[in-house]
Amino acid sequence: MSEKKSEFTIHPITVLQDNIVWVWVHNCNAVVVDPSISSPVKKWLLEKNLSLKAILQTHHHDDHIGGTKGLIKKWPKAKVIASKKELKRIPFQTFSVNNNDVFHLMDSKISVIEVHGHTNNHLAFYISKENSKCNILFPGDTIFGGGCGRLLEGTAKQMFESLCKLNALPEDTKIYPAHEYTENNLKWALSLISNDLSITQRLKIVQNKRQNGIPSLPTTILEERKTNLFLRAKNVEELSRLRKHKDNWKC
């Protein structure tokens, strides 16, 4: 009789002001997503007796790659997986990928999705496990709980197209954004649509979690379809208006 393979788990490490470094664990191995800083991540991995197999980098901002150097110093065989277009801005990458590439890691298939908008070259990693309904998305700063990334290098058109790509994923896909912005995003949404029942209910749940020190994330594609105004935007113009309003909104 063949041995049953264990399911993976995903754990949050909260760092800096509002970053979340996600650690994907399978058996005694781990993959770290967008490590802002190395010390708390290294401490967590060592306490759990885990071996770092890879680092997934969604984009080049320092609060996403700042801890990579320290981690690969401790685990030099770990792969650093990032966009081939960002060889200069993500200097430690050892496994470079392009849009629509597929590779395998920790008994799972990973599809690479280009999601430009927040930056010119931004990736999301979509993970599906064989013989399992578990679908996972690491979107970096493209989609948040109730929000999307600022347009720092890209355009509203790029962000709209990127969100459409993510919205096409299965509705039960679990989303693990890189920042804890959900409460603020939902308050902003209610400032525009105060009678939206789905957003109101979600905000109450999120506030209860945050008051008890629990992350509001992960979320799902279905939840974002119901409560994320950016994902609900019907066209580029609507998304652009929403993004400009959110950029200037004060809680």
Protein backbone atom coordinates (compact mmCIF):
# COMPACT_ATOMS: atom_id res chain seq x y z
CA MET A 1 0.00 0.00 0.00
CA SER A 2 1.42 3.40 -0.96
CA GLU A 3 2.00 5.95 1.76
CA LYS A 4 -0.52 8.80 1.80
CA LYS A 5 1.09 12.12 0.97
CA SER A 6 0.56 14.88 3.49
CA GLU A 7 -1.16 18.12 2.62
CA PHE A 8 0.77 21.35 2.70
CA THR A 9 0.07 24.21 5.09
CA ILE A 10 0.63 27.95 4.78
CA HIS A 11 1.64 30.15 7.70
CA PRO A 12 1.86 33.95 8.12
CA ILE A 13 4.81 35.79 9.59
CA THR A 14 3.88 39.43 10.18
CA VAL A 15 6.76 41.86 9.78
CA LEU A 16 7.43 45.59 9.41
CA GLN A 17 4.27 47.69 9.59
CA ASP A 18 1.81 45.56 7.64
CA ASN A 19 3.75 43.02 5.54
CA ILE A 20 2.96 39.34 5.68
CA VAL A 21 5.64 36.83 4.70
CA TRP A 22 3.87 33.60 3.79
CA VAL A 23 5.61 30.30 4.48
CA TRP A 24 4.39 27.30 2.54
CA VAL A 25 5.26 24.07 4.38
CA HIS A 26 5.20 20.51 3.11
CA ASN A 27 6.64 17.77 5.32
CA CYS A 28 10.05 19.10 6.46
CA ASN A 29 10.47 21.60 3.64
CA ALA A 30 9.41 25.22 3.21
CA VAL A 31 8.98 27.84 0.53
CA VAL A 32 9.00 31.49 1.56
CA VAL A 33 7.10 34.16 -0.38
CA ASP A 34 8.41 37.74 -0.59
CA PRO A 35 10.61 37.87 2.52
CA SER A 36 10.78 41.50 3.65
CA ILE A 37 13.45 40.81 6.25
CA SER A 38 15.31 37.65 7.13
CA SER A 39 15.61 37.42 10.93
CA PRO A 40 12.04 36.50 11.95
CA VAL A 41 11.67 34.16 8.97
CA LYS A 42 14.95 32.38 9.70
CA LYS A 43 14.01 32.07 13.39
CA TRP A 44 10.60 30.60 12.50
CA LEU A 45 12.07 28.05 10.08
CA LEU A 46 14.76 26.94 12.53
CA GLU A 47 12.26 26.57 15.39
CA LYS A 48 10.16 24.31 13.17
CA ASN A 49 13.22 22.36 11.92
CA LEU A 50 12.36 23.18 8.33
CA SER A 51 14.64 23.25 5.31
CA LEU A 52 14.20 26.21 2.96
CA LYS A 53 13.74 24.90 -0.59
CA ALA A 54 12.82 28.06 -2.45
CA ILE A 55 11.90 31.74 -2.29
CA LEU A 56 9.15 33.09 -4.53
CA GLN A 57 9.60 36.75 -5.49
CA THR A 58 6.59 38.55 -6.96
CA HIS A 59 8.33 41.87 -7.62
CA HIS A 60 11.41 43.93 -6.87
CA HIS A 61 10.36 46.23 -4.01
CA ASP A 62 12.65 46.06 -0.99
CA ASP A 63 9.85 45.11 1.38
CA HIS A 64 9.48 41.95 -0.71
CA ILE A 65 13.11 41.00 -1.39
CA GLY A 66 14.94 42.60 1.54
CA GLY A 67 15.30 39.33 3.45
CA THR A 68 16.37 37.15 0.54
CA LYS A 69 20.12 37.65 0.94
CA GLY A 70 20.04 36.65 4.61
CA LEU A 71 17.95 33.55 3.92
CA ILE A 72 20.11 32.20 1.10
CA LYS A 73 23.18 32.79 3.24
CA LYS A 74 21.70 30.31 5.72
CA TRP A 75 20.23 28.00 3.05
CA PRO A 76 22.49 28.45 -0.01
CA LYS A 77 20.82 25.66 -2.00
CA ALA A 78 17.41 27.34 -1.90
CA LYS A 79 16.15 28.45 -5.30
CA VAL A 80 15.24 32.10 -5.75
CA ILE A 81 12.41 32.20 -8.27
CA ALA A 82 11.60 35.51 -9.98
CA SER A 83 10.81 37.21 -13.27
CA LYS A 84 13.41 36.84 -15.99
CA LYS A 85 12.66 40.48 -16.85
CA GLU A 86 13.92 41.54 -13.42
CA LEU A 87 17.44 40.13 -13.42
CA LYS A 88 18.85 43.52 -12.37
CA ARG A 89 16.24 44.52 -9.80
CA ILE A 90 15.97 41.04 -8.24
CA PRO A 91 19.66 40.18 -8.21
CA PHE A 92 19.72 36.89 -6.29
CA GLN A 93 17.38 34.91 -8.53
CA THR A 94 18.61 31.47 -9.57
CA PHE A 95 15.50 30.21 -11.34
CA SER A 96 14.10 32.78 -13.76
CA VAL A 97 10.56 32.47 -15.12
CA ASN A 98 8.29 34.07 -17.71
CA ASN A 99 4.55 34.48 -18.12
CA ASN A 100 2.68 31.16 -18.43
CA ASP A 101 5.67 29.10 -17.35
CA VAL A 102 4.82 26.00 -15.33
CA PHE A 103 7.17 24.29 -12.90
CA HIS A 104 6.89 21.86 -10.00
CA LEU A 105 7.83 22.45 -6.40
CA MET A 106 7.01 20.52 -3.23
CA ASP A 107 4.74 18.02 -4.98
CA SER A 108 2.70 20.83 -6.56
CA LYS A 109 2.35 22.49 -9.94
CA ILE A 110 3.03 26.23 -10.07
CA SER A 111 1.79 28.43 -12.91
CA VAL A 112 3.36 31.84 -13.46
CA ILE A 113 0.96 34.70 -14.19
CA GLU A 114 2.17 38.15 -15.23
CA VAL A 115 0.10 40.75 -13.40
CA HIS A 116 1.54 44.14 -14.27
CA GLY A 117 0.15 47.38 -12.85
CA HIS A 118 1.71 47.84 -9.43
CA THR A 119 5.10 47.50 -11.13
CA ASN A 120 6.12 46.98 -14.74
CA ASN A 121 7.13 43.38 -14.10
CA HIS A 122 5.04 41.72 -11.43
CA LEU A 123 4.27 38.03 -11.06
CA ALA A 124 1.64 35.99 -9.28
CA PHE A 125 2.18 32.32 -8.50
CA TYR A 126 -0.79 29.97 -8.82
CA ILE A 127 -0.36 26.63 -7.08
CA SER A 128 -2.40 23.50 -7.63
CA LYS A 129 -1.75 20.18 -5.96
CA GLU A 130 -2.29 16.95 -7.87
CA ASN A 131 -5.31 14.93 -6.76
CA SER A 132 -6.46 17.81 -4.61
CA LYS A 133 -8.97 20.65 -4.96
CA CYS A 134 -6.61 22.98 -3.15
CA ASN A 135 -5.80 26.04 -5.30
CA ILE A 136 -3.53 28.74 -3.92
CA LEU A 137 -2.58 32.18 -5.23
CA PHE A 138 0.35 34.30 -4.09
CA PRO A 139 -0.40 37.65 -5.81
CA GLY A 140 2.16 39.91 -4.12
CA ASP A 141 0.83 43.47 -4.30
CA THR A 142 -1.63 42.98 -7.16
CA ILE A 143 -4.75 42.13 -5.17
CA PHE A 144 -5.42 42.63 -1.47
CA GLY A 145 -8.35 41.92 0.77
CA GLY A 146 -10.84 44.43 -0.63
CA GLY A 147 -8.23 46.24 -2.70
CA CYS A 148 -5.49 46.28 -5.32
CA GLY A 149 -1.96 47.64 -5.53
CA ARG A 150 -1.12 51.27 -6.23
CA LEU A 151 -0.12 52.04 -9.80
CA LEU A 152 3.50 52.89 -9.08
CA GLU A 153 4.93 51.95 -12.49
CA GLY A 154 2.09 50.44 -14.46
CA THR A 155 -1.21 51.73 -15.79
CA ALA A 156 -4.87 51.34 -14.92
CA LYS A 157 -5.27 49.28 -18.09
CA GLN A 158 -2.55 46.89 -16.97
CA MET A 159 -4.09 46.54 -13.51
CA PHE A 160 -7.56 45.98 -14.96
CA GLU A 161 -6.19 43.23 -17.23
CA SER A 162 -4.26 41.70 -14.35
CA LEU A 163 -7.31 41.60 -12.10
CA CYS A 164 -9.33 40.04 -14.93
CA LYS A 165 -6.73 37.26 -15.14
CA LEU A 166 -7.03 36.59 -11.42
CA ASN A 167 -10.82 36.81 -11.50
CA ALA A 168 -10.82 34.00 -14.07
CA LEU A 169 -9.34 31.57 -11.52
CA PRO A 170 -11.65 29.13 -9.68
CA GLU A 171 -13.79 30.92 -7.11
CA ASP A 172 -12.53 28.75 -4.25
CA THR A 173 -8.90 29.76 -4.90
CA LYS A 174 -7.33 30.92 -1.64
CA ILE A 175 -5.49 34.24 -2.02
CA TYR A 176 -2.50 35.14 0.14
CA PRO A 177 -1.70 38.86 -0.41
CA ALA A 178 1.51 40.36 0.91
CA HIS A 179 -0.05 43.09 3.07
CA GLU A 180 -2.69 43.36 5.79
CA TYR A 181 -4.83 46.10 4.26
CA THR A 182 -8.28 44.52 4.39
CA GLU A 183 -9.91 46.59 7.13
CA ASN A 184 -8.80 49.90 5.63
CA ASN A 185 -9.88 48.83 2.15
CA LEU A 186 -13.35 47.82 3.29
CA LYS A 187 -13.84 51.08 5.22
CA TRP A 188 -12.94 52.95 2.05
CA ALA A 189 -15.38 50.86 0.02
CA LEU A 190 -18.19 51.62 2.48
CA SER A 191 -17.41 55.34 2.22
CA LEU A 192 -18.47 55.01 -1.43
CA ILE A 193 -21.27 52.44 -1.08
CA SER A 194 -22.51 52.66 2.48
CA ASN A 195 -25.46 50.28 2.01
CA ASP A 196 -23.51 47.34 0.56
CA LEU A 197 -24.47 44.41 2.81
CA SER A 198 -21.65 42.07 1.71
CA ILE A 199 -18.96 44.66 2.43
CA THR A 200 -20.56 45.64 5.75
CA GLN A 201 -20.72 42.04 6.93
CA ARG A 202 -17.17 41.32 5.86
CA LEU A 203 -15.85 44.41 7.63
CA LYS A 204 -17.41 43.27 10.92
CA ILE A 205 -15.77 39.85 10.58
CA VAL A 206 -12.40 41.39 9.70
CA GLN A 207 -12.51 43.87 12.58
CA ASN A 208 -13.27 41.06 15.03
CA LYS A 209 -10.30 39.09 13.73
CA ARG A 210 -7.95 42.05 13.90
CA GLN A 211 -9.06 42.93 17.45
CA ASN A 212 -8.09 39.40 18.45
CA GLY A 213 -4.73 39.55 16.70
CA ILE A 214 -5.77 37.27 13.85
CA PRO A 215 -4.88 38.10 10.22
CA SER A 216 -7.81 38.88 7.94
CA LEU A 217 -6.15 36.73 5.28
CA PRO A 218 -6.26 34.51 3.31
CA THR A 219 -9.24 35.50 1.25
CA THR A 220 -10.80 33.83 -1.80
CA ILE A 221 -11.65 34.79 -5.35
CA LEU A 222 -15.34 34.46 -4.46
CA GLU A 223 -15.02 36.77 -1.44
CA GLU A 224 -13.22 39.37 -3.54
CA ARG A 225 -15.84 39.18 -6.28
CA LYS A 226 -18.44 40.10 -3.68
CA THR A 227 -16.58 42.80 -1.72
CA ASN A 228 -13.62 44.15 -3.73
CA LEU A 229 -14.64 47.25 -5.69
CA PHE A 230 -11.57 46.98 -7.93
CA LEU A 231 -12.44 43.42 -8.92
CA ARG A 232 -16.03 44.53 -9.47
CA ALA A 233 -14.96 47.38 -11.79
CA LYS A 234 -16.57 46.93 -15.21
CA ASN A 235 -13.91 48.71 -17.24
CA VAL A 236 -10.55 50.48 -17.12
CA GLU A 237 -12.11 53.90 -16.58
CA GLU A 238 -14.00 52.74 -13.49
CA LEU A 239 -10.92 51.10 -12.03
CA SER A 240 -8.87 54.23 -12.69
CA ARG A 241 -11.44 56.42 -10.87
CA LEU A 242 -11.51 54.04 -7.91
CA ARG A 243 -7.73 53.87 -7.69
CA LYS A 244 -7.35 57.67 -7.73
CA HIS A 245 -10.07 58.03 -5.10
CA LYS A 246 -8.45 55.42 -2.83
CA ASP A 247 -5.00 57.05 -3.25
CA ASN A 248 -6.38 60.31 -1.87
CA TRP A 249 -8.76 58.89 0.73
CA LYS A 250 -8.07 59.37 4.43
CA CYS A 251 -9.55 56.89 6.89
